């Protein structure tokens, strides 16, 4: 741990704090001067691990803002923008609605409650949580315990994954587990068991007796990581670092699978220039069949050139979660990852860029990105033995 860079990360969260919650960036860019669900919760989780009381109070305000602007059907906003004239602009997504915001909100509320023992706040948030869980159940569509996610429906909002995306399934499972540890329920316990079973039986090749997609499962090749998605056309088999990191955190799969998973992730990480994991791997290139899907999936400008953004780019935030997921078992490896995150966050006088080109090492995305700082804090504190509900 580099104390100077760590304090810079804490200062970044303070700089991007508003009375309504954490902003996505301290940079004066309108789209980032909003209270975002996933960014705000990840910043809040970092605040809980650090223990900074002011940042923890900003986290509470973040969660309150999200709950206050929840859709009547249960959607948690992607972001809330507070205009200078005191009016608000609420977004539930751009080209597609966001699915992962509900799970992040529940994870945030439960971890805040567990850390602060503010049970009155949890009581206030219980109705928004239950509305969110009910909507996630509805989004299964076929009542088969996997949420269906549209393309652009989660944090990888300009990437090509769609369908029963692994990241969204494990994130929802994490949310269910968190809620059940605060509000123990036989009904939720049963749901957790069903969701866990269908995830473990379907996102890697094996001996599933009742596969979700029998035809696709029959031809699925064995890989040392969880598949990125299952959709009606079959499997999307690229490596998803965020989803696999959360799966490690939740200890999904047996010991042998998790060992092979980490071996794969470490081999990939060490083979790359930045010595950190890319968001998705392998990159998609113009000559690939999937390129058109990727190239056309953007609202304004195309950012997913090979080795950048979601298309093989390196995100400090994602690596923060990977470091956390292995910190107990492999603290020395976690230290290496923390050092890599610190190096990227300190580029250009501590600019905390959003992500980096995995091939060239060049900074890309927005400066002063709060979840880049949060990823560093989460990794650092986790390697000291601090943890979340999981």
Foldseek 3Di string as FASTA:
>chain_A
DDPVLLVVLVVLQVLQFDQQAGFQFNDPDQVRNWLFQQLRLLLLVLCLLVVDVVNVVRSLSSLVNQLVPADPQQQGFRTWGQDPVRDIDTHQFDPDGALLSLLSSLQSQLQSCVRPVPVVSVVVCVVSNVSSVVVQCVQVVVNQLFGWAAACHYPLNLDQDGTRFLQSLLSNLLSLLSVCVVVPDPVSVVSSVSSLVLQLQEFAADDRPDHPQVVQNVPGDGDLFGFGHQHPVHTRRKDALLSRLSCLQVVRDDPVSVVSNVVVLQVQLVVFDLSAFFRIPDFDAPVDPCVVSNQPRDDPDRFRHDQTDNRVWAALLSRLSNLLSCLVPCVVSLVVSLVSLSVLCCPPNRFLAGIARRHPRHGDHHTSGSSSSSSSSSSVSSNVVDDGRD
